[in-house]
Amino acid sequence: QQMKELELRNQIAADLHDEVGSSLSSIHMLSQIANKKQSEDASQKEILDRMSVNVKETMDKMGDIVWMIKPGEGEGISLKNRMERFAQEVCSSKNIDLNMELGKLETMKLSMPQRKNLYLIFKEALNNAAKYSGTEKIDISIKEENKRLSFMLKDHGKGFDASRIAKGNGLDNMQNRARELNGELKINSAMDEGTIIQLDMPV
């Protein structure tokens, strides 16, 4: 049964990569070609720019899905590399200084659900900090001690009143994912002092 599930996951990952991935790549390439030819028309250029960005984001998300469902050796290394690459892309695009220490993440034995939920919590926390905090610096760390993993993301931005923050901005999703990990997610924020998001989970 486990072998069948493994084969099915590998097949789904391969199909997504080959079929959907190639189509998205073609659309992305065509939008860039059209953009060059239509550069004199500002309105069309704006539409093509948005189309190109949306396709690129979809390609990245599909790549995440393929990675999440396809098991393999070196999951810890893969997760570390993926987190570092994503953080560098986000922070460089916003001119944010990044301090990232992922400790011994590459040697941690994480299950597929664990690496998926940890990665998605990390992405949501980082995106929120980069988009809304106005910070010039973000600190990210992962530590392991006594078979527990501790993840922390700290920004030095404007902060917010956690008791009044609206639902639906990703915080609920992070809390739900933390529960799936049998972990605890804490969000501490103070006006003009920044925000700290901490996840504690068993490994």
C-alpha atoms as a PDB file:
ATOM      1  CA  GLN A   1       0.000   0.000   0.000  1.00  0.00           C
ATOM      2  CA  GLN A   2       2.800   2.416   0.917  1.00  0.00           C
ATOM      3  CA  MET A   3       4.605   1.616  -2.326  1.00  0.00           C
ATOM      4  CA  LYS A   4       1.448   2.376  -4.310  1.00  0.00           C
ATOM      5  CA  GLU A   5       1.029   5.706  -2.507  1.00  0.00           C
ATOM      6  CA  LEU A   6       4.676   6.534  -3.160  1.00  0.00           C
ATOM      7  CA  GLU A   7       4.335   5.708  -6.850  1.00  0.00           C
ATOM      8  CA  LEU A   8       1.148   7.783  -7.079  1.00  0.00           C
ATOM      9  CA  ARG A   9       2.781  10.825  -5.452  1.00  0.00           C
ATOM     10  CA  ASN A  10       5.761  10.550  -7.772  1.00  0.00           C
ATOM     11  CA  GLN A  11       3.458  10.256 -10.785  1.00  0.00           C
ATOM     12  CA  ILE A  12       1.386  13.291  -9.753  1.00  0.00           C
ATOM     13  CA  ALA A  13       4.552  15.315  -9.212  1.00  0.00           C
ATOM     14  CA  ALA A  14       5.931  14.285 -12.595  1.00  0.00           C
ATOM     15  CA  ASP A  15       2.650  15.048 -14.377  1.00  0.00           C
ATOM     16  CA  LEU A  16       2.389  18.483 -12.768  1.00  0.00           C
ATOM     17  CA  HIS A  17       5.965  19.292 -13.694  1.00  0.00           C
ATOM     18  CA  ASP A  18       5.773  18.002 -17.257  1.00  0.00           C
ATOM     19  CA  GLU A  19       2.265  18.991 -18.331  1.00  0.00           C
ATOM     20  CA  VAL A  20       1.294  22.083 -16.338  1.00  0.00           C
ATOM     21  CA  GLY A  21       4.854  23.318 -15.946  1.00  0.00           C
ATOM     22  CA  SER A  22       5.630  23.263 -19.656  1.00  0.00           C
ATOM     23  CA  SER A  23       2.378  25.079 -20.471  1.00  0.00           C
ATOM     24  CA  LEU A  24       3.069  27.803 -17.902  1.00  0.00           C
ATOM     25  CA  SER A  25       6.614  28.199 -19.201  1.00  0.00           C
ATOM     26  CA  SER A  26       5.287  28.684 -22.729  1.00  0.00           C
ATOM     27  CA  ILE A  27       2.753  31.302 -21.564  1.00  0.00           C
ATOM     28  CA  HIS A  28       5.460  33.117 -19.622  1.00  0.00           C
ATOM     29  CA  MET A  29       7.779  33.158 -22.639  1.00  0.00           C
ATOM     30  CA  LEU A  30       5.026  34.334 -25.006  1.00  0.00           C
ATOM     31  CA  SER A  31       3.991  37.138 -22.640  1.00  0.00           C
ATOM     32  CA  GLN A  32       7.585  38.379 -22.540  1.00  0.00           C
ATOM     33  CA  ILE A  33       7.839  38.303 -26.349  1.00  0.00           C
ATOM     34  CA  ALA A  34       4.524  40.145 -26.690  1.00  0.00           C
ATOM     35  CA  ASN A  35       5.659  42.644 -24.076  1.00  0.00           C
ATOM     36  CA  LYS A  36       8.706  43.576 -26.141  1.00  0.00           C
ATOM     37  CA  LYS A  37       6.621  43.992 -29.294  1.00  0.00           C
ATOM     38  CA  GLN A  38       3.939  46.054 -27.551  1.00  0.00           C
ATOM     39  CA  SER A  39       6.259  48.217 -25.458  1.00  0.00           C
ATOM     40  CA  GLU A  40       4.996  51.400 -27.102  1.00  0.00           C
ATOM     41  CA  ASP A  41       1.430  50.810 -25.838  1.00  0.00           C
ATOM     42  CA  ALA A  42       1.504  51.559 -22.100  1.00  0.00           C
ATOM     43  CA  SER A  43      -1.873  49.976 -21.262  1.00  0.00           C
ATOM     44  CA  GLN A  44      -1.095  46.726 -23.069  1.00  0.00           C
ATOM     45  CA  LYS A  45       2.373  46.649 -21.542  1.00  0.00           C
ATOM     46  CA  GLU A  46       0.877  46.931 -18.039  1.00  0.00           C
ATOM     47  CA  ILE A  47      -1.497  44.033 -18.726  1.00  0.00           C
ATOM     48  CA  LEU A  48       1.323  41.886 -20.108  1.00  0.00           C
ATOM     49  CA  ASP A  49       3.530  42.778 -17.144  1.00  0.00           C
ATOM     50  CA  ARG A  50       0.813  41.638 -14.719  1.00  0.00           C
ATOM     51  CA  MET A  51       0.253  38.488 -16.761  1.00  0.00           C
ATOM     52  CA  SER A  52       3.964  37.671 -16.682  1.00  0.00           C
ATOM     53  CA  VAL A  53       4.141  38.208 -12.907  1.00  0.00           C
ATOM     54  CA  ASN A  54       1.043  36.072 -12.290  1.00  0.00           C
ATOM     55  CA  VAL A  55       2.379  33.238 -14.430  1.00  0.00           C
ATOM     56  CA  LYS A  56       5.745  33.382 -12.642  1.00  0.00           C
ATOM     57  CA  GLU A  57       4.002  33.244  -9.248  1.00  0.00           C
ATOM     58  CA  THR A  58       1.881  30.288 -10.421  1.00  0.00           C
ATOM     59  CA  MET A  59       4.996  28.484 -11.639  1.00  0.00           C
ATOM     60  CA  ASP A  60       6.661  29.037  -8.262  1.00  0.00           C
ATOM     61  CA  LYS A  61       3.590  27.766  -6.387  1.00  0.00           C
ATOM     62  CA  MET A  62       3.373  24.707  -8.614  1.00  0.00           C
ATOM     63  CA  GLY A  63       7.044  24.049  -7.950  1.00  0.00           C
ATOM     64  CA  ASP A  64       6.304  24.180  -4.224  1.00  0.00           C
ATOM     65  CA  ILE A  65       3.455  21.678  -4.617  1.00  0.00           C
ATOM     66  CA  VAL A  66       5.637  19.278  -6.613  1.00  0.00           C
ATOM     67  CA  TRP A  67       8.353  19.526  -3.965  1.00  0.00           C
ATOM     68  CA  MET A  68       5.874  18.995  -1.120  1.00  0.00           C
ATOM     69  CA  ILE A  69       4.316  15.821  -2.483  1.00  0.00           C
ATOM     70  CA  LYS A  70       7.441  14.208  -3.914  1.00  0.00           C
ATOM     71  CA  PRO A  71       9.456  12.422  -1.237  1.00  0.00           C
ATOM     72  CA  GLY A  72      13.175  11.965  -1.616  1.00  0.00           C
ATOM     73  CA  GLU A  73      16.556  11.962   0.027  1.00  0.00           C
ATOM     74  CA  GLY A  74      17.923  15.109   1.604  1.00  0.00           C
ATOM     75  CA  GLU A  75      14.583  16.684   2.498  1.00  0.00           C
ATOM     76  CA  GLY A  76      16.264  18.813   5.163  1.00  0.00           C
ATOM     77  CA  ILE A  77      18.826  20.184   2.724  1.00  0.00           C
ATOM     78  CA  SER A  78      16.114  20.807   0.149  1.00  0.00           C
ATOM     79  CA  LEU A  79      13.963  22.644   2.703  1.00  0.00           C
ATOM     80  CA  LYS A  80      16.880  24.782   3.867  1.00  0.00           C
ATOM     81  CA  ASN A  81      17.840  25.731   0.307  1.00  0.00           C
ATOM     82  CA  ARG A  82      14.244  26.503  -0.583  1.00  0.00           C
ATOM     83  CA  MET A  83      13.743  28.717   2.463  1.00  0.00           C
ATOM     84  CA  GLU A  84      16.999  30.579   1.864  1.00  0.00           C
ATOM     85  CA  ARG A  85      16.229  31.178  -1.803  1.00  0.00           C
ATOM     86  CA  PHE A  86      12.685  32.405  -1.127  1.00  0.00           C
ATOM     87  CA  ALA A  87      13.786  34.725   1.693  1.00  0.00           C
ATOM     88  CA  GLN A  88      16.568  36.208  -0.420  1.00  0.00           C
ATOM     89  CA  GLU A  89      14.184  36.846  -3.327  1.00  0.00           C
ATOM     90  CA  VAL A  90      11.540  38.501  -1.144  1.00  0.00           C
ATOM     91  CA  CYS A  91      13.939  40.641   0.878  1.00  0.00           C
ATOM     92  CA  SER A  92      16.071  41.760  -2.062  1.00  0.00           C
ATOM     93  CA  SER A  93      12.955  42.879  -3.951  1.00  0.00           C
ATOM     94  CA  LYS A  94      11.981  45.092  -0.985  1.00  0.00           C
ATOM     95  CA  ASN A  95      15.518  46.246  -0.066  1.00  0.00           C
ATOM     96  CA  ILE A  96      15.222  44.516   3.311  1.00  0.00           C
ATOM     97  CA  ASP A  97      18.341  43.374   5.180  1.00  0.00           C
ATOM     98  CA  LEU A  98      18.085  39.637   5.886  1.00  0.00           C
ATOM     99  CA  ASN A  99      19.685  37.802   8.786  1.00  0.00           C
ATOM    100  CA  MET A 100      18.973  34.080   8.451  1.00  0.00           C
ATOM    101  CA  GLU A 101      20.299  31.260  10.643  1.00  0.00           C
ATOM    102  CA  LEU A 102      18.737  27.871   9.947  1.00  0.00           C
ATOM    103  CA  GLY A 103      21.000  25.872  12.231  1.00  0.00           C
ATOM    104  CA  LYS A 104      21.010  22.131  11.590  1.00  0.00           C
ATOM    105  CA  LEU A 105      17.848  22.102   9.494  1.00  0.00           C
ATOM    106  CA  GLU A 106      19.533  20.026   6.783  1.00  0.00           C
ATOM    107  CA  THR A 107      20.088  17.138   9.228  1.00  0.00           C
ATOM    108  CA  MET A 108      16.583  17.127  10.726  1.00  0.00           C
ATOM    109  CA  LYS A 109      14.339  14.223   9.791  1.00  0.00           C
ATOM    110  CA  LEU A 110      11.037  15.833   8.859  1.00  0.00           C
ATOM    111  CA  SER A 111       8.008  14.079   7.408  1.00  0.00           C
ATOM    112  CA  MET A 112       6.320  15.373   4.277  1.00  0.00           C
ATOM    113  CA  PRO A 113       3.472  17.066   6.252  1.00  0.00           C
ATOM    114  CA  GLN A 114       6.015  18.613   8.633  1.00  0.00           C
ATOM    115  CA  ARG A 115       8.185  20.178   5.942  1.00  0.00           C
ATOM    116  CA  LYS A 116       5.094  21.315   4.001  1.00  0.00           C
ATOM    117  CA  ASN A 117       3.470  23.078   6.957  1.00  0.00           C
ATOM    118  CA  LEU A 118       6.729  24.525   8.273  1.00  0.00           C
ATOM    119  CA  TYR A 119       7.566  25.913   4.833  1.00  0.00           C
ATOM    120  CA  LEU A 120       4.108  27.432   4.332  1.00  0.00           C
ATOM    121  CA  ILE A 121       4.134  29.054   7.792  1.00  0.00           C
ATOM    122  CA  PHE A 122       7.560  30.492   6.975  1.00  0.00           C
ATOM    123  CA  LYS A 123       6.348  31.827   3.606  1.00  0.00           C
ATOM    124  CA  GLU A 124       3.221  33.413   5.072  1.00  0.00           C
ATOM    125  CA  ALA A 125       5.112  35.036   7.938  1.00  0.00           C
ATOM    126  CA  LEU A 126       7.805  36.384   5.622  1.00  0.00           C
ATOM    127  CA  ASN A 127       5.350  37.693   3.032  1.00  0.00           C
ATOM    128  CA  ASN A 128       3.329  39.485   5.728  1.00  0.00           C
ATOM    129  CA  ALA A 129       6.446  41.086   7.203  1.00  0.00           C
ATOM    130  CA  ALA A 130       7.762  42.196   3.815  1.00  0.00           C
ATOM    131  CA  LYS A 131       4.418  43.567   2.594  1.00  0.00           C
ATOM    132  CA  TYR A 132       2.924  45.210   5.664  1.00  0.00           C
ATOM    133  CA  SER A 133       5.486  45.945   8.378  1.00  0.00           C
ATOM    134  CA  GLY A 134       7.589  48.591   6.638  1.00  0.00           C
ATOM    135  CA  THR A 135      10.665  46.957   8.158  1.00  0.00           C
ATOM    136  CA  GLU A 136      14.213  47.459   6.916  1.00  0.00           C
ATOM    137  CA  LYS A 137      15.477  44.247   8.518  1.00  0.00           C
ATOM    138  CA  ILE A 138      14.154  40.724   9.076  1.00  0.00           C
ATOM    139  CA  ASP A 139      15.700  38.072  11.339  1.00  0.00           C
ATOM    140  CA  ILE A 140      14.870  34.390  10.763  1.00  0.00           C
ATOM    141  CA  SER A 141      16.127  31.464  12.830  1.00  0.00           C
ATOM    142  CA  ILE A 142      15.514  27.745  13.280  1.00  0.00           C
ATOM    143  CA  LYS A 143      16.891  25.791  16.228  1.00  0.00           C
ATOM    144  CA  GLU A 144      16.498  22.224  17.462  1.00  0.00           C
ATOM    145  CA  GLU A 145      16.723  21.169  21.080  1.00  0.00           C
ATOM    146  CA  ASN A 146      15.345  18.164  22.972  1.00  0.00           C
ATOM    147  CA  LYS A 147      13.542  16.873  19.865  1.00  0.00           C
ATOM    148  CA  ARG A 148      11.728  20.159  19.366  1.00  0.00           C
ATOM    149  CA  LEU A 149      12.092  22.641  16.546  1.00  0.00           C
ATOM    150  CA  SER A 150      11.856  26.360  17.199  1.00  0.00           C
ATOM    151  CA  PHE A 151      11.216  28.748  14.295  1.00  0.00           C
ATOM    152  CA  MET A 152      11.306  32.510  14.743  1.00  0.00           C
ATOM    153  CA  LEU A 153      10.772  35.415  12.361  1.00  0.00           C
ATOM    154  CA  LYS A 154      11.259  38.944  13.669  1.00  0.00           C
ATOM    155  CA  ASP A 155      10.729  42.192  11.818  1.00  0.00           C
ATOM    156  CA  HIS A 156      11.646  45.669  13.032  1.00  0.00           C
ATOM    157  CA  GLY A 157       8.673  47.437  11.489  1.00  0.00           C
ATOM    158  CA  LYS A 158       5.633  49.357  12.638  1.00  0.00           C
ATOM    159  CA  GLY A 159       3.956  46.469  14.480  1.00  0.00           C
ATOM    160  CA  PHE A 160       0.228  46.083  15.044  1.00  0.00           C
ATOM    161  CA  ASP A 161      -2.389  45.521  17.733  1.00  0.00           C
ATOM    162  CA  ALA A 162      -2.714  41.722  17.673  1.00  0.00           C
ATOM    163  CA  SER A 163      -6.093  41.870  19.429  1.00  0.00           C
ATOM    164  CA  ARG A 164      -7.563  43.999  16.636  1.00  0.00           C
ATOM    165  CA  ILE A 165      -5.962  42.446  13.581  1.00  0.00           C
ATOM    166  CA  ALA A 166      -8.499  41.313  10.999  1.00  0.00           C
ATOM    167  CA  LYS A 167      -8.881  37.631  10.260  1.00  0.00           C
ATOM    168  CA  GLY A 168      -8.251  36.304   6.812  1.00  0.00           C
ATOM    169  CA  ASN A 169      -4.784  37.756   6.298  1.00  0.00           C
ATOM    170  CA  GLY A 170      -2.988  34.441   6.690  1.00  0.00           C
ATOM    171  CA  LEU A 171      -2.681  34.388  10.483  1.00  0.00           C
ATOM    172  CA  ASP A 172      -5.524  31.877  10.775  1.00  0.00           C
ATOM    173  CA  ASN A 173      -3.848  29.658   8.188  1.00  0.00           C
ATOM    174  CA  MET A 174      -0.602  29.733  10.141  1.00  0.00           C
ATOM    175  CA  GLN A 175      -2.409  28.791  13.361  1.00  0.00           C
ATOM    176  CA  ASN A 176      -4.169  25.898  11.604  1.00  0.00           C
ATOM    177  CA  ARG A 177      -0.878  24.627  10.184  1.00  0.00           C
ATOM    178  CA  ALA A 178       0.758  24.868  13.605  1.00  0.00           C
ATOM    179  CA  ARG A 179      -2.016  22.677  15.032  1.00  0.00           C
ATOM    180  CA  GLU A 180      -1.417  20.129  12.250  1.00  0.00           C
ATOM    181  CA  LEU A 181       2.202  20.043  13.418  1.00  0.00           C
ATOM    182  CA  ASN A 182       1.102  19.490  17.041  1.00  0.00           C
ATOM    183  CA  GLY A 183       2.901  22.747  17.662  1.00  0.00           C
ATOM    184  CA  GLU A 184       2.201  26.189  19.070  1.00  0.00           C
ATOM    185  CA  LEU A 185       2.359  29.460  17.156  1.00  0.00           C
ATOM    186  CA  LYS A 186       2.826  32.708  19.077  1.00  0.00           C
ATOM    187  CA  ILE A 187       2.519  36.184  17.577  1.00  0.00           C
ATOM    188  CA  ASN A 188       3.857  39.089  19.621  1.00  0.00           C
ATOM    189  CA  SER A 189       3.654  42.608  18.235  1.00  0.00           C
ATOM    190  CA  ALA A 190       3.958  46.128  19.585  1.00  0.00           C
ATOM    191  CA  MET A 191       3.289  49.403  17.819  1.00  0.00           C
ATOM    192  CA  ASP A 192       6.498  50.906  16.391  1.00  0.00           C
ATOM    193  CA  GLU A 193       8.547  47.997  17.762  1.00  0.00           C
ATOM    194  CA  GLY A 194       7.910  45.251  15.236  1.00  0.00           C
ATOM    195  CA  THR A 195       6.525  41.733  15.300  1.00  0.00           C
ATOM    196  CA  ILE A 196       7.863  38.344  16.377  1.00  0.00           C
ATOM    197  CA  ILE A 197       6.325  35.108  15.109  1.00  0.00           C
ATOM    198  CA  GLN A 198       7.438  31.946  16.904  1.00  0.00           C
ATOM    199  CA  LEU A 199       6.613  28.315  16.183  1.00  0.00           C
ATOM    200  CA  ASP A 200       7.465  25.489  18.570  1.00  0.00           C
ATOM    201  CA  MET A 201       6.887  21.935  17.310  1.00  0.00           C
ATOM    202  CA  PRO A 202       8.022  18.358  17.996  1.00  0.00           C
ATOM    203  CA  VAL A 203      10.403  16.668  15.541  1.00  0.00           C
END
